[in-house]
Amino acid sequence: MLNKKRWKKTLYKILSLDSHPGHISAGFAVGVFISFTPFFGLHTPMAIAAAFIFRLNKLTCVTGAWINTPLTIVPILGISYKLGRFLRGRPVNELPLTGGSLEWHNLEKYAKSLLLGTSILGFCAAIIAYFVCYYLVIRFRSRDAAQKELTEEMEEVGEELE
């Protein structure tokens, strides 16, 4: 798990990439979609594969795939399962997480609802992530350009930037 300092460093790398903001944001959004899938342990390889297939930035795609954590995935899976059951016209039950009900031979009972729900929530989260990332890249670049301009003006005058 990344600490706060490493997250900031990764965010800075993403925001300062020399690429179109839409390209950066698309990679991040695809990664966020992947992070909502129930294929634990495969999020990073799936993000790298998606980056190659869709010609997206690998850093942004993998970072987006790391958005969900062990703390957030449990409620997301529960909500996704309920959403999938509802959309399939089934009674909305809790996703049983105990008693061996999630063993491989029982997976078929829950997989369709879970995949439908995670796909829809992941798609919605990816759309939001795209626009948030796009906004942040644009804002960072304009602020960075203003800082660079100020530094150049101060160097012409001979002052130091504190």
N, C-alpha and C. Protein backbone atom coordinates (compact mmCIF):
# COMPACT_ATOMS: atom_id res chain seq x y z
N MET A 1 0.84 -1.18 0.00
CA MET A 1 0.00 0.00 0.00
C MET A 1 0.89 1.24 0.00
N LEU A 2 0.53 2.22 -0.76
CA LEU A 2 1.32 3.43 -0.88
C LEU A 2 1.01 4.38 0.26
N ASN A 3 2.04 5.05 0.76
CA ASN A 3 1.81 6.05 1.79
C ASN A 3 1.48 7.39 1.14
N LYS A 4 1.17 8.38 1.97
CA LYS A 4 0.72 9.67 1.47
C LYS A 4 1.78 10.36 0.60
N LYS A 5 3.03 10.27 1.01
CA LYS A 5 4.11 10.91 0.25
C LYS A 5 4.25 10.29 -1.14
N ARG A 6 4.15 8.97 -1.21
CA ARG A 6 4.26 8.30 -2.51
C ARG A 6 3.06 8.58 -3.39
N TRP A 7 1.85 8.69 -2.79
CA TRP A 7 0.66 9.04 -3.57
C TRP A 7 0.83 10.43 -4.17
N LYS A 8 1.34 11.38 -3.37
CA LYS A 8 1.55 12.74 -3.89
C LYS A 8 2.56 12.74 -5.03
N LYS A 9 3.62 11.96 -4.87
CA LYS A 9 4.64 11.87 -5.91
C LYS A 9 4.05 11.27 -7.19
N THR A 10 3.24 10.22 -7.04
CA THR A 10 2.59 9.60 -8.20
C THR A 10 1.62 10.57 -8.85
N LEU A 11 0.84 11.29 -8.03
CA LEU A 11 -0.10 12.27 -8.56
C LEU A 11 0.64 13.36 -9.32
N TYR A 12 1.75 13.83 -8.79
CA TYR A 12 2.54 14.85 -9.48
C TYR A 12 3.05 14.32 -10.82
N LYS A 13 3.50 13.06 -10.84
CA LYS A 13 3.97 12.46 -12.10
C LYS A 13 2.85 12.42 -13.13
N ILE A 14 1.66 12.05 -12.67
CA ILE A 14 0.52 11.97 -13.59
C ILE A 14 0.15 13.35 -14.13
N LEU A 15 0.05 14.32 -13.24
CA LEU A 15 -0.37 15.66 -13.65
C LEU A 15 0.66 16.36 -14.52
N SER A 16 1.92 15.98 -14.40
CA SER A 16 2.96 16.64 -15.19
C SER A 16 3.38 15.83 -16.42
N LEU A 17 2.65 14.79 -16.76
CA LEU A 17 2.97 14.02 -17.96
C LEU A 17 2.87 14.89 -19.20
N ASP A 18 3.75 14.66 -20.14
CA ASP A 18 3.75 15.42 -21.38
C ASP A 18 2.85 14.71 -22.39
N SER A 19 1.56 14.83 -22.17
CA SER A 19 0.56 14.18 -23.01
C SER A 19 -0.71 15.01 -22.96
N HIS A 20 -1.61 14.77 -23.89
CA HIS A 20 -2.89 15.49 -23.89
C HIS A 20 -3.69 15.13 -22.64
N PRO A 21 -4.35 16.11 -22.02
CA PRO A 21 -5.13 15.82 -20.81
C PRO A 21 -6.19 14.73 -21.01
N GLY A 22 -6.76 14.67 -22.20
CA GLY A 22 -7.75 13.63 -22.49
C GLY A 22 -7.14 12.24 -22.50
N HIS A 23 -5.91 12.14 -22.97
CA HIS A 23 -5.20 10.86 -23.01
C HIS A 23 -4.86 10.41 -21.59
N ILE A 24 -4.39 11.33 -20.77
CA ILE A 24 -4.08 11.02 -19.37
C ILE A 24 -5.34 10.60 -18.64
N SER A 25 -6.41 11.36 -18.82
CA SER A 25 -7.67 11.09 -18.13
C SER A 25 -8.30 9.78 -18.58
N ALA A 26 -8.18 9.46 -19.86
CA ALA A 26 -8.74 8.20 -20.36
C ALA A 26 -8.05 7.01 -19.73
N GLY A 27 -6.74 7.07 -19.60
CA GLY A 27 -6.01 5.99 -18.95
C GLY A 27 -6.43 5.82 -17.50
N PHE A 28 -6.57 6.93 -16.81
CA PHE A 28 -6.98 6.87 -15.41
C PHE A 28 -8.40 6.31 -15.29
N ALA A 29 -9.30 6.74 -16.16
CA ALA A 29 -10.69 6.28 -16.12
C ALA A 29 -10.79 4.78 -16.38
N VAL A 30 -10.03 4.27 -17.34
CA VAL A 30 -10.04 2.83 -17.61
C VAL A 30 -9.53 2.07 -16.39
N GLY A 31 -8.50 2.60 -15.75
CA GLY A 31 -7.99 1.98 -14.53
C GLY A 31 -9.02 1.95 -13.41
N VAL A 32 -9.76 3.04 -13.27
CA VAL A 32 -10.81 3.09 -12.24
C VAL A 32 -11.89 2.06 -12.54
N PHE A 33 -12.28 1.94 -13.81
CA PHE A 33 -13.26 0.91 -14.17
C PHE A 33 -12.75 -0.47 -13.77
N ILE A 34 -11.49 -0.75 -14.07
CA ILE A 34 -10.90 -2.05 -13.74
C ILE A 34 -10.89 -2.27 -12.23
N SER A 35 -10.67 -1.21 -11.47
CA SER A 35 -10.61 -1.35 -10.01
C SER A 35 -11.94 -1.79 -9.41
N PHE A 36 -13.02 -1.58 -10.14
CA PHE A 36 -14.34 -1.98 -9.64
C PHE A 36 -14.67 -3.44 -9.95
N THR A 37 -13.86 -4.09 -10.76
CA THR A 37 -14.14 -5.49 -11.08
C THR A 37 -13.81 -6.39 -9.90
N PRO A 38 -14.48 -7.52 -9.78
CA PRO A 38 -14.22 -8.41 -8.65
C PRO A 38 -13.05 -9.37 -8.88
N PHE A 39 -12.19 -9.07 -9.82
CA PHE A 39 -11.08 -9.96 -10.15
C PHE A 39 -9.84 -9.56 -9.34
N PHE A 40 -9.88 -9.80 -8.05
CA PHE A 40 -8.82 -9.40 -7.14
C PHE A 40 -7.51 -10.07 -7.50
N GLY A 41 -6.45 -9.32 -7.42
CA GLY A 41 -5.14 -9.83 -7.77
C GLY A 41 -4.81 -9.68 -9.24
N LEU A 42 -5.82 -9.35 -10.03
CA LEU A 42 -5.62 -9.20 -11.47
C LEU A 42 -5.78 -7.75 -11.94
N HIS A 43 -6.06 -6.84 -11.02
CA HIS A 43 -6.29 -5.45 -11.41
C HIS A 43 -5.08 -4.84 -12.12
N THR A 44 -3.89 -5.02 -11.55
CA THR A 44 -2.70 -4.44 -12.18
C THR A 44 -2.40 -5.07 -13.54
N PRO A 45 -2.38 -6.40 -13.67
CA PRO A 45 -2.16 -6.96 -15.02
C PRO A 45 -3.26 -6.56 -16.01
N MET A 46 -4.50 -6.47 -15.54
CA MET A 46 -5.58 -6.04 -16.43
C MET A 46 -5.37 -4.59 -16.88
N ALA A 47 -4.91 -3.73 -15.97
CA ALA A 47 -4.66 -2.33 -16.31
C ALA A 47 -3.52 -2.20 -17.32
N ILE A 48 -2.47 -2.98 -17.12
CA ILE A 48 -1.35 -2.94 -18.07
C ILE A 48 -1.79 -3.44 -19.44
N ALA A 49 -2.56 -4.52 -19.45
CA ALA A 49 -3.07 -5.06 -20.73
C ALA A 49 -3.98 -4.05 -21.42
N ALA A 50 -4.87 -3.40 -20.65
CA ALA A 50 -5.77 -2.40 -21.23
C ALA A 50 -4.97 -1.22 -21.78
N ALA A 51 -3.92 -0.82 -21.07
CA ALA A 51 -3.08 0.29 -21.55
C ALA A 51 -2.43 -0.06 -22.88
N PHE A 52 -1.97 -1.29 -23.03
CA PHE A 52 -1.37 -1.71 -24.30
C PHE A 52 -2.42 -1.81 -25.40
N ILE A 53 -3.56 -2.43 -25.09
CA ILE A 53 -4.60 -2.64 -26.10
C ILE A 53 -5.16 -1.32 -26.61
N PHE A 54 -5.47 -0.40 -25.68
CA PHE A 54 -6.11 0.87 -26.06
C PHE A 54 -5.10 2.00 -26.25
N ARG A 55 -3.79 1.68 -26.14
CA ARG A 55 -2.72 2.66 -26.32
C ARG A 55 -2.87 3.82 -25.35
N LEU A 56 -3.06 3.48 -24.08
CA LEU A 56 -3.20 4.47 -23.02
C LEU A 56 -1.90 4.55 -22.23
N ASN A 57 -1.81 5.56 -21.40
CA ASN A 57 -0.64 5.71 -20.55
C ASN A 57 -0.68 4.64 -19.46
N LYS A 58 0.40 3.89 -19.33
CA LYS A 58 0.44 2.78 -18.37
C LYS A 58 0.39 3.28 -16.93
N LEU A 59 1.09 4.37 -16.64
CA LEU A 59 1.11 4.91 -15.27
C LEU A 59 -0.28 5.32 -14.82
N THR A 60 -1.01 6.03 -15.66
CA THR A 60 -2.34 6.48 -15.25
C THR A 60 -3.31 5.31 -15.15
N CYS A 61 -3.18 4.36 -16.03
CA CYS A 61 -4.08 3.20 -16.02
C CYS A 61 -3.87 2.36 -14.75
N VAL A 62 -2.62 2.10 -14.41
CA VAL A 62 -2.33 1.30 -13.21
C VAL A 62 -2.71 2.07 -11.95
N THR A 63 -2.45 3.37 -11.92
CA THR A 63 -2.83 4.17 -10.75
C THR A 63 -4.34 4.16 -10.56
N GLY A 64 -5.09 4.27 -11.63
CA GLY A 64 -6.54 4.18 -11.54
C GLY A 64 -7.01 2.84 -11.01
N ALA A 65 -6.29 1.79 -11.38
CA ALA A 65 -6.66 0.44 -10.93
C ALA A 65 -6.39 0.25 -9.44
N TRP A 66 -5.58 1.11 -8.86
CA TRP A 66 -5.28 1.01 -7.42
C TRP A 66 -6.19 1.86 -6.56
N ILE A 67 -7.22 2.45 -7.13
CA ILE A 67 -8.11 3.34 -6.38
C ILE A 67 -8.85 2.59 -5.28
N ASN A 68 -9.39 1.44 -5.60
CA ASN A 68 -10.10 0.67 -4.56
C ASN A 68 -9.11 -0.02 -3.65
N THR A 69 -9.41 0.05 -2.37
CA THR A 69 -8.55 -0.56 -1.35
C THR A 69 -9.34 -1.66 -0.65
N PRO A 70 -8.70 -2.46 0.18
CA PRO A 70 -9.45 -3.47 0.93
C PRO A 70 -10.57 -2.88 1.79
N LEU A 71 -10.42 -1.63 2.20
CA LEU A 71 -11.47 -0.99 3.00
C LEU A 71 -12.68 -0.59 2.16
N THR A 72 -12.45 -0.19 0.93
CA THR A 72 -13.56 0.29 0.09
C THR A 72 -14.20 -0.81 -0.75
N ILE A 73 -13.49 -1.90 -0.98
CA ILE A 73 -14.01 -2.91 -1.91
C ILE A 73 -15.19 -3.67 -1.33
N VAL A 74 -15.22 -3.88 -0.02
CA VAL A 74 -16.33 -4.64 0.58
C VAL A 74 -17.66 -3.92 0.41
N PRO A 75 -17.76 -2.61 0.76
CA PRO A 75 -19.04 -1.94 0.50
C PRO A 75 -19.38 -1.84 -0.99
N ILE A 76 -18.37 -1.67 -1.82
CA ILE A 76 -18.62 -1.58 -3.26
C ILE A 76 -19.17 -2.89 -3.79
N LEU A 77 -18.61 -4.01 -3.35
CA LEU A 77 -19.13 -5.31 -3.78
C LEU A 77 -20.56 -5.52 -3.31
N GLY A 78 -20.85 -5.13 -2.08
CA GLY A 78 -22.22 -5.28 -1.57
C GLY A 78 -23.22 -4.46 -2.36
N ILE A 79 -22.88 -3.21 -2.61
CA ILE A 79 -23.76 -2.33 -3.39
C ILE A 79 -23.89 -2.85 -4.82
N SER A 80 -22.78 -3.29 -5.40
CA SER A 80 -22.80 -3.81 -6.78
C SER A 80 -23.68 -5.04 -6.89
N TYR A 81 -23.56 -5.93 -5.93
CA TYR A 81 -24.37 -7.15 -5.95
C TYR A 81 -25.86 -6.80 -5.86
N LYS A 82 -26.21 -5.90 -4.94
CA LYS A 82 -27.61 -5.50 -4.80
C LYS A 82 -28.12 -4.82 -6.07
N LEU A 83 -27.30 -3.96 -6.67
CA LEU A 83 -27.69 -3.29 -7.91
C LEU A 83 -27.90 -4.31 -9.03
N GLY A 84 -26.99 -5.26 -9.14
CA GLY A 84 -27.12 -6.30 -10.16
C GLY A 84 -28.37 -7.14 -9.96
N ARG A 85 -28.67 -7.50 -8.71
CA ARG A 85 -29.89 -8.27 -8.43
C ARG A 85 -31.12 -7.46 -8.81
N PHE A 86 -31.12 -6.19 -8.45
CA PHE A 86 -32.26 -5.33 -8.75
C PHE A 86 -32.47 -5.21 -10.26
N LEU A 87 -31.41 -4.97 -11.00
CA LEU A 87 -31.52 -4.81 -12.45
C LEU A 87 -31.90 -6.10 -13.16
N ARG A 88 -31.59 -7.22 -12.56
CA ARG A 88 -31.97 -8.51 -13.14
C ARG A 88 -33.37 -8.94 -12.72
N GLY A 89 -34.06 -8.11 -11.93
CA GLY A 89 -35.41 -8.43 -11.50
C GLY A 89 -35.48 -9.48 -10.42
N ARG A 90 -34.42 -9.64 -9.68
CA ARG A 90 -34.36 -10.63 -8.59
C ARG A 90 -34.58 -9.92 -7.26
N PRO A 91 -34.99 -10.66 -6.24
CA PRO A 91 -35.10 -10.04 -4.92
C PRO A 91 -33.71 -9.58 -4.45
N VAL A 92 -33.68 -8.41 -3.86
CA VAL A 92 -32.40 -7.84 -3.43
C VAL A 92 -32.01 -8.45 -2.10
N ASN A 93 -31.08 -9.38 -2.14
CA ASN A 93 -30.56 -10.05 -0.95
C ASN A 93 -29.17 -9.53 -0.66
N GLU A 94 -28.72 -9.81 0.55
CA GLU A 94 -27.34 -9.49 0.92
C GLU A 94 -26.41 -10.49 0.23
N LEU A 95 -25.21 -10.04 -0.07
CA LEU A 95 -24.19 -10.94 -0.60
C LEU A 95 -23.63 -11.72 0.57
N PRO A 96 -23.87 -13.03 0.61
CA PRO A 96 -23.39 -13.82 1.76
C PRO A 96 -21.88 -13.96 1.73
N LEU A 97 -21.23 -13.45 2.76
CA LEU A 97 -19.78 -13.47 2.82
C LEU A 97 -19.24 -14.50 3.80
N THR A 98 -20.12 -15.29 4.41
CA THR A 98 -19.68 -16.28 5.40
C THR A 98 -20.27 -17.64 5.08
N GLY A 99 -19.83 -18.65 5.79
CA GLY A 99 -20.41 -19.98 5.67
C GLY A 99 -20.03 -20.73 4.41
N GLY A 100 -18.98 -20.33 3.73
CA GLY A 100 -18.54 -21.06 2.54
C GLY A 100 -19.43 -20.84 1.32
N SER A 101 -20.32 -19.84 1.38
CA SER A 101 -21.23 -19.63 0.26
C SER A 101 -20.54 -19.01 -0.95
N LEU A 102 -19.36 -18.43 -0.76
CA LEU A 102 -18.64 -17.85 -1.88
C LEU A 102 -17.54 -18.77 -2.40
N GLU A 103 -17.70 -20.05 -2.21
CA GLU A 103 -16.75 -21.01 -2.76
C GLU A 103 -16.99 -21.15 -4.26
N TRP A 104 -16.02 -21.73 -4.96
CA TRP A 104 -16.07 -21.80 -6.41
C TRP A 104 -17.34 -22.45 -6.95
N HIS A 105 -17.81 -23.51 -6.30
CA HIS A 105 -18.99 -24.21 -6.84
C HIS A 105 -20.27 -23.39 -6.66
N ASN A 106 -20.26 -22.39 -5.79
CA ASN A 106 -21.43 -21.52 -5.60
C ASN A 106 -21.30 -20.21 -6.37
N LEU A 107 -20.18 -20.00 -7.04
CA LEU A 107 -19.92 -18.72 -7.68
C LEU A 107 -20.95 -18.36 -8.75
N GLU A 108 -21.46 -19.36 -9.45
CA GLU A 108 -22.42 -19.10 -10.52
C GLU A 108 -23.68 -18.40 -10.00
N LYS A 109 -24.06 -18.68 -8.76
CA LYS A 109 -25.26 -18.06 -8.18
C LYS A 109 -25.12 -16.55 -8.06
N TYR A 110 -23.91 -16.09 -7.83
CA TYR A 110 -23.69 -14.68 -7.52
C TYR A 110 -22.98 -13.91 -8.63
N ALA A 111 -22.35 -14.60 -9.55
CA ALA A 111 -21.46 -13.95 -10.52
C ALA A 111 -22.20 -12.99 -11.46
N LYS A 112 -23.35 -13.37 -11.99
CA LYS A 112 -24.04 -12.52 -12.95
C LYS A 112 -24.45 -11.19 -12.33
N SER A 113 -25.06 -11.26 -11.15
CA SER A 113 -25.48 -10.03 -10.48
C SER A 113 -24.29 -9.18 -10.09
N LEU A 114 -23.24 -9.82 -9.61
CA LEU A 114 -22.05 -9.09 -9.18
C LEU A 114 -21.35 -8.43 -10.37
N LEU A 115 -21.20 -9.15 -11.47
CA LEU A 115 -20.56 -8.57 -12.66
C LEU A 115 -21.38 -7.44 -13.26
N LEU A 116 -22.69 -7.59 -13.28
CA LEU A 116 -23.54 -6.52 -13.80
C LEU A 116 -23.42 -5.28 -12.93
N GLY A 117 -23.52 -5.46 -11.63
CA GLY A 117 -23.44 -4.32 -10.71
C GLY A 117 -22.08 -3.64 -10.72
N THR A 118 -21.01 -4.43 -10.71
CA THR A 118 -19.67 -3.82 -10.73
C THR A 118 -19.40 -3.12 -12.06
N SER A 119 -19.94 -3.66 -13.14
CA SER A 119 -19.75 -3.01 -14.45
C SER A 119 -20.43 -1.65 -14.49
N ILE A 120 -21.65 -1.58 -13.98
CA ILE A 120 -22.38 -0.32 -14.00
C ILE A 120 -21.74 0.70 -13.06
N LEU A 121 -21.44 0.28 -11.82
CA LEU A 121 -20.79 1.21 -10.89
C LEU A 121 -19.40 1.61 -11.40
N GLY A 122 -18.67 0.67 -11.96
CA GLY A 122 -17.34 0.98 -12.50
C GLY A 122 -17.42 1.96 -13.66
N PHE A 123 -18.42 1.80 -14.53
CA PHE A 123 -18.60 2.72 -15.65
C PHE A 123 -18.91 4.12 -15.15
N CYS A 124 -19.82 4.23 -14.18
CA CYS A 124 -20.16 5.54 -13.61
C CYS A 124 -18.94 6.18 -12.93
N ALA A 125 -18.20 5.38 -12.17
CA ALA A 125 -17.00 5.90 -11.50
C ALA A 125 -15.94 6.32 -12.52
N ALA A 126 -15.83 5.58 -13.62
CA ALA A 126 -14.85 5.91 -14.66
C ALA A 126 -15.19 7.24 -15.33
N ILE A 127 -16.46 7.48 -15.58
CA ILE A 127 -16.87 8.76 -16.18
C ILE A 127 -16.51 9.91 -15.25
N ILE A 128 -16.84 9.76 -13.98
CA ILE A 128 -16.51 10.80 -13.00
C ILE A 128 -15.00 10.98 -12.92
N ALA A 129 -14.26 9.88 -12.87
CA ALA A 129 -12.80 9.94 -12.77
C ALA A 129 -12.19 10.65 -13.99
N TYR A 130 -12.76 10.41 -15.17
CA TYR A 130 -12.25 11.05 -16.37
C TYR A 130 -12.31 12.57 -16.24
N PHE A 131 -13.49 13.08 -15.87
CA PHE A 131 -13.66 14.53 -15.81
C PHE A 131 -12.89 15.16 -14.65
N VAL A 132 -12.82 14.48 -13.52
CA VAL A 132 -12.03 14.99 -12.40
C VAL A 132 -10.55 15.04 -12.77
N CYS A 133 -10.05 13.98 -13.37
CA CYS A 133 -8.64 13.93 -13.77
C CYS A 133 -8.35 14.99 -14.84
N TYR A 134 -9.23 15.14 -15.80
CA TYR A 134 -9.06 16.14 -16.86
C TYR A 134 -8.96 17.54 -16.25
N TYR A 135 -9.89 17.84 -15.34
CA TYR A 135 -9.89 19.14 -14.66
C TYR A 135 -8.59 19.36 -13.88
N LEU A 136 -8.15 18.34 -13.15
CA LEU A 136 -6.93 18.47 -12.35
C LEU A 136 -5.70 18.68 -13.23
N VAL A 137 -5.62 17.99 -14.35
CA VAL A 137 -4.48 18.16 -15.25
C VAL A 137 -4.47 19.58 -15.81
N ILE A 138 -5.61 20.07 -16.27
CA ILE A 138 -5.70 21.43 -16.82
C ILE A 138 -5.33 22.45 -15.75
N ARG A 139 -5.89 22.29 -14.57
CA ARG A 139 -5.62 23.23 -13.47
C ARG A 139 -4.14 23.20 -13.07
N PHE A 140 -3.57 22.02 -12.97
CA PHE A 140 -2.16 21.89 -12.60
C PHE A 140 -1.28 22.55 -13.64
N ARG A 141 -1.58 22.32 -14.90
CA ARG A 141 -0.75 22.89 -15.97
C ARG A 141 -0.84 24.40 -16.02
N SER A 142 -2.04 24.95 -15.80
CA SER A 142 -2.16 26.41 -15.82
C SER A 142 -1.45 27.02 -14.62
N ARG A 143 -1.54 26.38 -13.47
CA ARG A 143 -0.85 26.86 -12.28
C ARG A 143 0.67 26.73 -12.45
N ASP A 144 1.09 25.63 -13.05
CA ASP A 144 2.52 25.41 -13.29
C ASP A 144 3.05 26.44 -14.29
N ALA A 145 2.26 26.75 -15.32
CA ALA A 145 2.68 27.74 -16.31
C ALA A 145 2.76 29.13 -15.68
N ALA A 146 1.81 29.47 -14.81
CA ALA A 146 1.84 30.76 -14.13
C ALA A 146 3.06 30.85 -13.22
N GLN A 147 3.38 29.77 -12.53
CA GLN A 147 4.56 29.74 -11.66
C GLN A 147 5.84 29.91 -12.47
N LYS A 148 5.89 29.27 -13.62
CA LYS A 148 7.07 29.36 -14.49
C LYS A 148 7.23 30.79 -15.00
N GLU A 149 6.11 31.41 -15.40
CA GLU A 149 6.15 32.78 -15.90
C GLU A 149 6.61 33.74 -14.81
N LEU A 150 6.11 33.56 -13.60
CA LEU A 150 6.51 34.40 -12.48
C LEU A 150 8.00 34.25 -12.19
N THR A 151 8.48 33.04 -12.24
CA THR A 151 9.91 32.78 -12.00
C THR A 151 10.76 33.47 -13.06
N GLU A 152 10.35 33.39 -14.31
CA GLU A 152 11.10 34.04 -15.39
C GLU A 152 11.12 35.55 -15.23
N GLU A 153 9.97 36.14 -14.84
CA GLU A 153 9.90 37.58 -14.64
C GLU A 153 10.81 38.01 -13.49
N MET A 154 10.82 37.23 -12.43
CA MET A 154 11.65 37.58 -11.27
C MET A 154 13.13 37.42 -11.59
N GLU A 155 13.48 36.45 -12.44
CA GLU A 155 14.87 36.29 -12.84
C GLU A 155 15.34 37.47 -13.67
N GLU A 156 14.44 38.02 -14.51
CA GLU A 156 14.78 39.18 -15.31
C GLU A 156 15.07 40.38 -14.42
N VAL A 157 14.30 40.53 -13.36
CA VAL A 157 14.46 41.64 -12.44
C VAL A 157 15.65 41.40 -11.51
N GLY A 158 15.98 40.15 -11.28
CA GLY A 158 17.10 39.80 -10.42
C GLY A 158 16.68 39.46 -9.01
N GLU A 159 15.42 39.19 -8.79
CA GLU A 159 14.94 38.82 -7.47
C GLU A 159 14.94 37.30 -7.35
N GLU A 160 14.93 36.85 -6.09
CA GLU A 160 14.86 35.41 -5.84
C GLU A 160 13.44 35.04 -5.43
N LEU A 161 13.00 33.91 -5.89
CA LEU A 161 11.68 33.40 -5.54
C LEU A 161 11.79 32.63 -4.23
N GLU A 162 11.00 33.05 -3.25
CA GLU A 162 11.05 32.38 -1.94
C GLU A 162 9.96 31.39 -1.80
